[in-house]
Amino acid sequence: MPDASLLDKFPAPTDQPFVVEHVSDEFTSVCPVTGHPDFGSVTVRFEPKPANAGGTCVELKSLKLYLQSFRNEGIYYEAVTNQIRDDLVALMQPTWLQVITHWKGRGGISSVIRATSGTVPCEFLTMTK
């Protein structure tokens, strides 16, 4: 499975609420049925807990290496999205977190998968990317 031990974090820089959004447009994994590569993008949005409550943010290079650890993994889209959510929540324990994966079309079908933790504000629920 992908390697969550690659993920690292750093302390949130403020006690004031803020939202972080990271987008990886070059995500790849492998279809567990056909062995063909799957291509997509991953958007991660979250609100860290305040600094005075021990809030943290994911370090970007570690996130990149973690996402690359899916590259040769035979895994369904839904499992990818939920695995990323679960690993990032375990790492940071944010106020809320949203992972959206957009998968390139294959056979005329493209897919969007969303996985959340906590109460995501309404304005982020309708955003596609």
N, C-alpha and C. Protein backbone atom coordinates (compact mmCIF):
# COMPACT_ATOMS: atom_id res chain seq x y z
N MET A 1 0.84 -1.20 0.00
CA MET A 1 0.00 0.00 0.00
C MET A 1 0.87 1.25 0.00
N PRO A 2 0.29 2.38 -0.33
CA PRO A 2 1.02 3.65 -0.28
C PRO A 2 1.60 3.89 1.11
N ASP A 3 2.66 4.67 1.17
CA ASP A 3 3.46 4.80 2.38
C ASP A 3 3.15 6.09 3.14
N ALA A 4 2.26 6.02 4.12
CA ALA A 4 1.90 7.18 4.93
C ALA A 4 3.05 7.66 5.80
N SER A 5 4.06 6.81 6.02
CA SER A 5 5.21 7.24 6.83
C SER A 5 6.02 8.32 6.13
N LEU A 6 5.78 8.52 4.83
CA LEU A 6 6.45 9.59 4.10
C LEU A 6 5.92 10.97 4.47
N LEU A 7 4.72 11.03 5.02
CA LEU A 7 4.09 12.31 5.35
C LEU A 7 4.74 12.96 6.56
N ASP A 8 4.94 14.27 6.46
CA ASP A 8 5.50 15.05 7.56
C ASP A 8 4.62 16.28 7.75
N LYS A 9 4.74 16.90 8.89
CA LYS A 9 3.89 18.06 9.20
C LYS A 9 4.72 19.13 9.90
N PHE A 10 4.13 20.32 9.97
CA PHE A 10 4.75 21.41 10.71
C PHE A 10 3.64 22.17 11.44
N PRO A 11 3.98 22.92 12.49
CA PRO A 11 2.96 23.61 13.27
C PRO A 11 2.20 24.66 12.46
N ALA A 12 0.91 24.76 12.71
CA ALA A 12 0.10 25.82 12.09
C ALA A 12 0.68 27.17 12.51
N PRO A 13 0.72 28.13 11.59
CA PRO A 13 1.40 29.39 11.89
C PRO A 13 0.57 30.42 12.66
N THR A 14 -0.70 30.14 12.91
CA THR A 14 -1.56 31.15 13.54
C THR A 14 -2.71 30.48 14.29
N ASP A 15 -3.29 31.27 15.18
CA ASP A 15 -4.49 30.81 15.89
C ASP A 15 -5.76 31.15 15.12
N GLN A 16 -5.65 32.00 14.11
CA GLN A 16 -6.79 32.42 13.31
C GLN A 16 -7.15 31.34 12.29
N PRO A 17 -8.43 31.16 11.98
CA PRO A 17 -8.82 30.16 10.98
C PRO A 17 -8.30 30.51 9.59
N PHE A 18 -7.85 29.51 8.85
CA PHE A 18 -7.46 29.68 7.45
C PHE A 18 -7.62 28.34 6.76
N VAL A 19 -7.71 28.39 5.43
CA VAL A 19 -7.91 27.18 4.63
C VAL A 19 -6.70 26.99 3.72
N VAL A 20 -6.23 25.77 3.66
CA VAL A 20 -5.11 25.39 2.79
C VAL A 20 -5.68 24.54 1.66
N GLU A 21 -5.19 24.78 0.44
CA GLU A 21 -5.57 23.96 -0.71
C GLU A 21 -4.32 23.57 -1.47
N HIS A 22 -4.11 22.28 -1.64
CA HIS A 22 -3.00 21.75 -2.43
C HIS A 22 -3.59 20.97 -3.60
N VAL A 23 -3.04 21.17 -4.80
CA VAL A 23 -3.51 20.48 -5.99
C VAL A 23 -2.34 19.78 -6.65
N SER A 24 -2.49 18.49 -6.89
CA SER A 24 -1.52 17.70 -7.63
C SER A 24 -2.17 17.27 -8.94
N ASP A 25 -1.69 17.84 -10.05
CA ASP A 25 -2.29 17.55 -11.36
C ASP A 25 -1.67 16.34 -12.06
N GLU A 26 -0.70 15.70 -11.45
CA GLU A 26 0.01 14.60 -12.11
C GLU A 26 -0.05 13.32 -11.31
N PHE A 27 -1.22 13.01 -10.77
CA PHE A 27 -1.38 11.81 -9.95
C PHE A 27 -1.53 10.58 -10.83
N THR A 28 -0.87 9.50 -10.45
CA THR A 28 -1.04 8.23 -11.18
C THR A 28 -1.13 7.07 -10.19
N SER A 29 -1.93 6.11 -10.58
CA SER A 29 -2.00 4.81 -9.90
C SER A 29 -2.29 3.79 -10.99
N VAL A 30 -2.64 2.59 -10.59
CA VAL A 30 -2.84 1.51 -11.57
C VAL A 30 -4.21 0.88 -11.34
N CYS A 31 -4.92 0.61 -12.42
CA CYS A 31 -6.20 -0.09 -12.31
C CYS A 31 -5.94 -1.50 -11.78
N PRO A 32 -6.62 -1.90 -10.69
CA PRO A 32 -6.36 -3.22 -10.13
C PRO A 32 -6.90 -4.36 -10.99
N VAL A 33 -7.76 -4.05 -11.95
CA VAL A 33 -8.34 -5.08 -12.81
C VAL A 33 -7.51 -5.28 -14.07
N THR A 34 -7.21 -4.18 -14.76
CA THR A 34 -6.53 -4.28 -16.06
C THR A 34 -5.02 -4.10 -15.97
N GLY A 35 -4.54 -3.46 -14.88
CA GLY A 35 -3.12 -3.15 -14.77
C GLY A 35 -2.72 -1.91 -15.56
N HIS A 36 -3.70 -1.26 -16.21
CA HIS A 36 -3.41 -0.04 -16.96
C HIS A 36 -3.24 1.13 -16.01
N PRO A 37 -2.46 2.13 -16.40
CA PRO A 37 -2.29 3.30 -15.53
C PRO A 37 -3.56 4.16 -15.50
N ASP A 38 -3.82 4.73 -14.35
CA ASP A 38 -4.91 5.69 -14.17
C ASP A 38 -4.28 7.04 -13.90
N PHE A 39 -4.82 8.08 -14.54
CA PHE A 39 -4.27 9.42 -14.41
C PHE A 39 -5.34 10.35 -13.86
N GLY A 40 -4.94 11.23 -12.97
CA GLY A 40 -5.90 12.17 -12.42
C GLY A 40 -5.24 13.29 -11.67
N SER A 41 -6.08 14.08 -11.02
CA SER A 41 -5.59 15.15 -10.16
C SER A 41 -6.19 14.95 -8.78
N VAL A 42 -5.44 15.42 -7.78
CA VAL A 42 -5.87 15.31 -6.39
C VAL A 42 -5.89 16.72 -5.81
N THR A 43 -7.02 17.10 -5.24
CA THR A 43 -7.13 18.36 -4.52
C THR A 43 -7.37 18.05 -3.05
N VAL A 44 -6.54 18.63 -2.20
CA VAL A 44 -6.67 18.47 -0.75
C VAL A 44 -6.95 19.85 -0.17
N ARG A 45 -8.06 19.99 0.54
CA ARG A 45 -8.40 21.23 1.24
C ARG A 45 -8.60 20.90 2.70
N PHE A 46 -8.10 21.79 3.57
CA PHE A 46 -8.31 21.56 4.99
C PHE A 46 -8.17 22.86 5.77
N GLU A 47 -8.77 22.84 6.94
CA GLU A 47 -8.58 23.92 7.90
C GLU A 47 -7.83 23.32 9.09
N PRO A 48 -6.59 23.76 9.30
CA PRO A 48 -5.86 23.25 10.46
C PRO A 48 -6.51 23.73 11.76
N LYS A 49 -6.31 22.97 12.80
CA LYS A 49 -6.69 23.47 14.11
C LYS A 49 -5.82 24.69 14.40
N PRO A 50 -6.26 25.57 15.30
CA PRO A 50 -5.42 26.72 15.65
C PRO A 50 -4.07 26.28 16.22
N ALA A 51 -3.08 27.13 16.06
CA ALA A 51 -1.74 26.82 16.57
C ALA A 51 -1.78 26.52 18.06
N ASN A 52 -2.57 27.29 18.82
CA ASN A 52 -2.61 27.08 20.28
C ASN A 52 -3.32 25.80 20.67
N ALA A 53 -3.94 25.12 19.70
CA ALA A 53 -4.59 23.83 19.95
C ALA A 53 -3.78 22.69 19.34
N GLY A 54 -2.54 23.00 18.93
CA GLY A 54 -1.68 21.96 18.36
C GLY A 54 -1.90 21.71 16.89
N GLY A 55 -2.50 22.67 16.19
CA GLY A 55 -2.76 22.51 14.76
C GLY A 55 -1.50 22.32 13.94
N THR A 56 -1.63 21.56 12.86
CA THR A 56 -0.49 21.30 11.97
C THR A 56 -0.93 21.36 10.51
N CYS A 57 0.07 21.50 9.64
CA CYS A 57 -0.12 21.48 8.19
C CYS A 57 0.79 20.41 7.61
N VAL A 58 0.39 19.83 6.49
CA VAL A 58 1.23 18.83 5.83
C VAL A 58 2.35 19.54 5.08
N GLU A 59 3.55 19.00 5.18
CA GLU A 59 4.71 19.55 4.48
C GLU A 59 4.64 19.11 3.02
N LEU A 60 4.85 20.05 2.09
CA LEU A 60 4.57 19.78 0.67
C LEU A 60 5.45 18.71 0.03
N LYS A 61 6.73 18.71 0.29
CA LYS A 61 7.58 17.69 -0.33
C LYS A 61 7.15 16.31 0.15
N SER A 62 6.80 16.20 1.41
CA SER A 62 6.36 14.90 1.92
C SER A 62 5.04 14.48 1.28
N LEU A 63 4.15 15.46 1.04
CA LEU A 63 2.89 15.15 0.37
C LEU A 63 3.16 14.66 -1.05
N LYS A 64 4.06 15.33 -1.74
CA LYS A 64 4.42 14.91 -3.11
C LYS A 64 4.95 13.48 -3.12
N LEU A 65 5.87 13.17 -2.23
CA LEU A 65 6.44 11.82 -2.18
C LEU A 65 5.37 10.78 -1.81
N TYR A 66 4.49 11.14 -0.90
CA TYR A 66 3.40 10.25 -0.51
C TYR A 66 2.49 9.97 -1.71
N LEU A 67 2.09 11.02 -2.42
CA LEU A 67 1.22 10.82 -3.58
C LEU A 67 1.92 9.98 -4.65
N GLN A 68 3.22 10.16 -4.81
CA GLN A 68 3.96 9.36 -5.78
C GLN A 68 4.03 7.89 -5.37
N SER A 69 3.85 7.60 -4.09
CA SER A 69 3.91 6.20 -3.64
C SER A 69 2.72 5.39 -4.13
N PHE A 70 1.71 6.04 -4.69
CA PHE A 70 0.56 5.34 -5.29
C PHE A 70 0.86 4.90 -6.72
N ARG A 71 1.94 5.38 -7.30
CA ARG A 71 2.22 5.24 -8.73
C ARG A 71 2.08 3.82 -9.27
N ASN A 72 2.56 2.83 -8.57
CA ASN A 72 2.51 1.46 -9.06
C ASN A 72 1.50 0.61 -8.29
N GLU A 73 0.62 1.27 -7.55
CA GLU A 73 -0.34 0.58 -6.70
C GLU A 73 -1.61 0.25 -7.47
N GLY A 74 -2.01 -1.01 -7.48
CA GLY A 74 -3.29 -1.41 -8.06
C GLY A 74 -4.39 -1.09 -7.06
N ILE A 75 -5.14 -0.02 -7.33
CA ILE A 75 -6.11 0.47 -6.36
C ILE A 75 -7.23 1.21 -7.08
N TYR A 76 -8.45 1.00 -6.61
CA TYR A 76 -9.61 1.67 -7.21
C TYR A 76 -9.62 3.15 -6.86
N TYR A 77 -10.26 3.97 -7.70
CA TYR A 77 -10.36 5.42 -7.48
C TYR A 77 -10.91 5.74 -6.08
N GLU A 78 -11.97 5.03 -5.72
CA GLU A 78 -12.62 5.30 -4.44
C GLU A 78 -11.68 5.01 -3.27
N ALA A 79 -10.91 3.94 -3.39
CA ALA A 79 -9.96 3.58 -2.33
C ALA A 79 -8.83 4.60 -2.24
N VAL A 80 -8.34 5.08 -3.39
CA VAL A 80 -7.30 6.12 -3.40
C VAL A 80 -7.76 7.33 -2.61
N THR A 81 -8.93 7.82 -2.95
CA THR A 81 -9.45 9.05 -2.36
C THR A 81 -9.63 8.90 -0.85
N ASN A 82 -10.22 7.79 -0.44
CA ASN A 82 -10.43 7.56 0.99
C ASN A 82 -9.13 7.32 1.74
N GLN A 83 -8.16 6.66 1.11
CA GLN A 83 -6.87 6.42 1.74
C GLN A 83 -6.13 7.73 2.00
N ILE A 84 -6.14 8.62 1.01
CA ILE A 84 -5.49 9.93 1.18
C ILE A 84 -6.16 10.69 2.32
N ARG A 85 -7.50 10.71 2.32
CA ARG A 85 -8.22 11.37 3.41
C ARG A 85 -7.83 10.80 4.77
N ASP A 86 -7.88 9.49 4.90
CA ASP A 86 -7.60 8.85 6.19
C ASP A 86 -6.17 9.12 6.66
N ASP A 87 -5.21 9.05 5.75
CA ASP A 87 -3.81 9.26 6.14
C ASP A 87 -3.55 10.71 6.55
N LEU A 88 -4.15 11.67 5.83
CA LEU A 88 -3.95 13.08 6.18
C LEU A 88 -4.67 13.45 7.47
N VAL A 89 -5.84 12.89 7.70
CA VAL A 89 -6.54 13.15 8.97
C VAL A 89 -5.73 12.57 10.13
N ALA A 90 -5.19 11.37 9.96
CA ALA A 90 -4.38 10.77 11.02
C ALA A 90 -3.14 11.62 11.31
N LEU A 91 -2.55 12.18 10.27
CA LEU A 91 -1.35 13.01 10.43
C LEU A 91 -1.65 14.33 11.13
N MET A 92 -2.68 15.05 10.66
CA MET A 92 -2.88 16.43 11.09
C MET A 92 -4.04 16.65 12.06
N GLN A 93 -5.03 15.77 12.05
CA GLN A 93 -6.25 15.94 12.84
C GLN A 93 -6.82 17.36 12.65
N PRO A 94 -7.10 17.73 11.40
CA PRO A 94 -7.58 19.09 11.12
C PRO A 94 -9.02 19.31 11.59
N THR A 95 -9.43 20.56 11.58
CA THR A 95 -10.82 20.89 11.89
C THR A 95 -11.73 20.20 10.90
N TRP A 96 -11.40 20.31 9.63
CA TRP A 96 -12.08 19.57 8.56
C TRP A 96 -11.09 19.36 7.42
N LEU A 97 -11.39 18.38 6.58
CA LEU A 97 -10.53 18.06 5.44
C LEU A 97 -11.40 17.51 4.32
N GLN A 98 -11.04 17.87 3.09
CA GLN A 98 -11.75 17.40 1.91
C GLN A 98 -10.71 16.95 0.88
N VAL A 99 -10.90 15.78 0.31
CA VAL A 99 -10.07 15.29 -0.78
C VAL A 99 -10.98 15.07 -1.98
N ILE A 100 -10.59 15.65 -3.11
CA ILE A 100 -11.35 15.48 -4.36
C ILE A 100 -10.39 14.93 -5.41
N THR A 101 -10.75 13.82 -6.01
CA THR A 101 -9.95 13.28 -7.10
C THR A 101 -10.74 13.36 -8.39
N HIS A 102 -10.08 13.85 -9.44
CA HIS A 102 -10.65 13.93 -10.79
C HIS A 102 -9.86 12.97 -11.65
N TRP A 103 -10.55 11.99 -12.23
CA TRP A 103 -9.89 10.95 -13.01
C TRP A 103 -10.13 11.16 -14.49
N LYS A 104 -9.08 11.05 -15.28
CA LYS A 104 -9.18 11.20 -16.73
C LYS A 104 -10.09 10.10 -17.28
N GLY A 105 -10.77 10.42 -18.36
CA GLY A 105 -11.71 9.48 -18.95
C GLY A 105 -11.04 8.25 -19.53
N ARG A 106 -11.74 7.15 -19.37
CA ARG A 106 -11.34 5.90 -20.00
C ARG A 106 -12.63 5.22 -20.45
N GLY A 107 -12.69 4.86 -21.72
CA GLY A 107 -13.91 4.24 -22.24
C GLY A 107 -15.09 5.19 -22.20
N GLY A 108 -14.81 6.50 -22.30
CA GLY A 108 -15.88 7.49 -22.32
C GLY A 108 -16.41 7.88 -20.95
N ILE A 109 -15.80 7.39 -19.88
CA ILE A 109 -16.28 7.71 -18.53
C ILE A 109 -15.15 8.34 -17.74
N SER A 110 -15.41 9.53 -17.21
CA SER A 110 -14.48 10.14 -16.26
C SER A 110 -15.15 10.14 -14.89
N SER A 111 -14.36 10.25 -13.84
CA SER A 111 -14.92 10.14 -12.49
C SER A 111 -14.39 11.24 -11.60
N VAL A 112 -15.24 11.64 -10.64
CA VAL A 112 -14.86 12.56 -9.57
C VAL A 112 -15.26 11.90 -8.27
N ILE A 113 -14.31 11.77 -7.35
CA ILE A 113 -14.58 11.15 -6.05
C ILE A 113 -14.27 12.18 -4.98
N ARG A 114 -15.15 12.29 -3.98
CA ARG A 114 -14.95 13.22 -2.86
C ARG A 114 -14.99 12.44 -1.55
N ALA A 115 -14.05 12.74 -0.67
CA ALA A 115 -14.04 12.16 0.67
C ALA A 115 -13.77 13.28 1.66
N THR A 116 -14.53 13.32 2.74
CA THR A 116 -14.40 14.40 3.71
C THR A 116 -14.23 13.87 5.12
N SER A 117 -13.76 14.76 5.98
CA SER A 117 -13.68 14.51 7.41
C SER A 117 -14.07 15.80 8.11
N GLY A 118 -14.89 15.70 9.12
CA GLY A 118 -15.36 16.90 9.80
C GLY A 118 -16.45 17.59 8.97
N THR A 119 -16.84 18.77 9.43
CA THR A 119 -17.89 19.53 8.76
C THR A 119 -17.26 20.51 7.79
N VAL A 120 -17.32 20.18 6.51
CA VAL A 120 -16.76 21.04 5.47
C VAL A 120 -17.74 22.18 5.22
N PRO A 121 -17.25 23.44 5.24
CA PRO A 121 -18.15 24.58 4.98
C PRO A 121 -18.82 24.46 3.62
N CYS A 122 -20.06 24.93 3.55
CA CYS A 122 -20.88 24.81 2.33
C CYS A 122 -20.19 25.34 1.09
N GLU A 123 -19.45 26.44 1.20
CA GLU A 123 -18.83 27.03 0.00
C GLU A 123 -17.80 26.10 -0.64
N PHE A 124 -17.28 25.14 0.13
CA PHE A 124 -16.31 24.20 -0.42
C PHE A 124 -16.96 22.93 -0.96
N LEU A 125 -18.18 22.68 -0.57
CA LEU A 125 -18.87 21.47 -1.03
C LEU A 125 -19.27 21.54 -2.49
N THR A 126 -19.48 22.74 -3.00
CA THR A 126 -19.92 22.88 -4.39
C THR A 126 -18.78 23.14 -5.36
N MET A 127 -17.58 23.38 -4.84
CA MET A 127 -16.43 23.63 -5.71
C MET A 127 -15.99 22.32 -6.35
N THR A 128 -15.67 22.35 -7.63
CA THR A 128 -15.30 21.12 -8.31
C THR A 128 -13.81 20.82 -8.21
N LYS A 129 -13.00 21.82 -8.06
CA LYS A 129 -11.55 21.58 -7.97
C LYS A 129 -10.94 22.42 -6.90
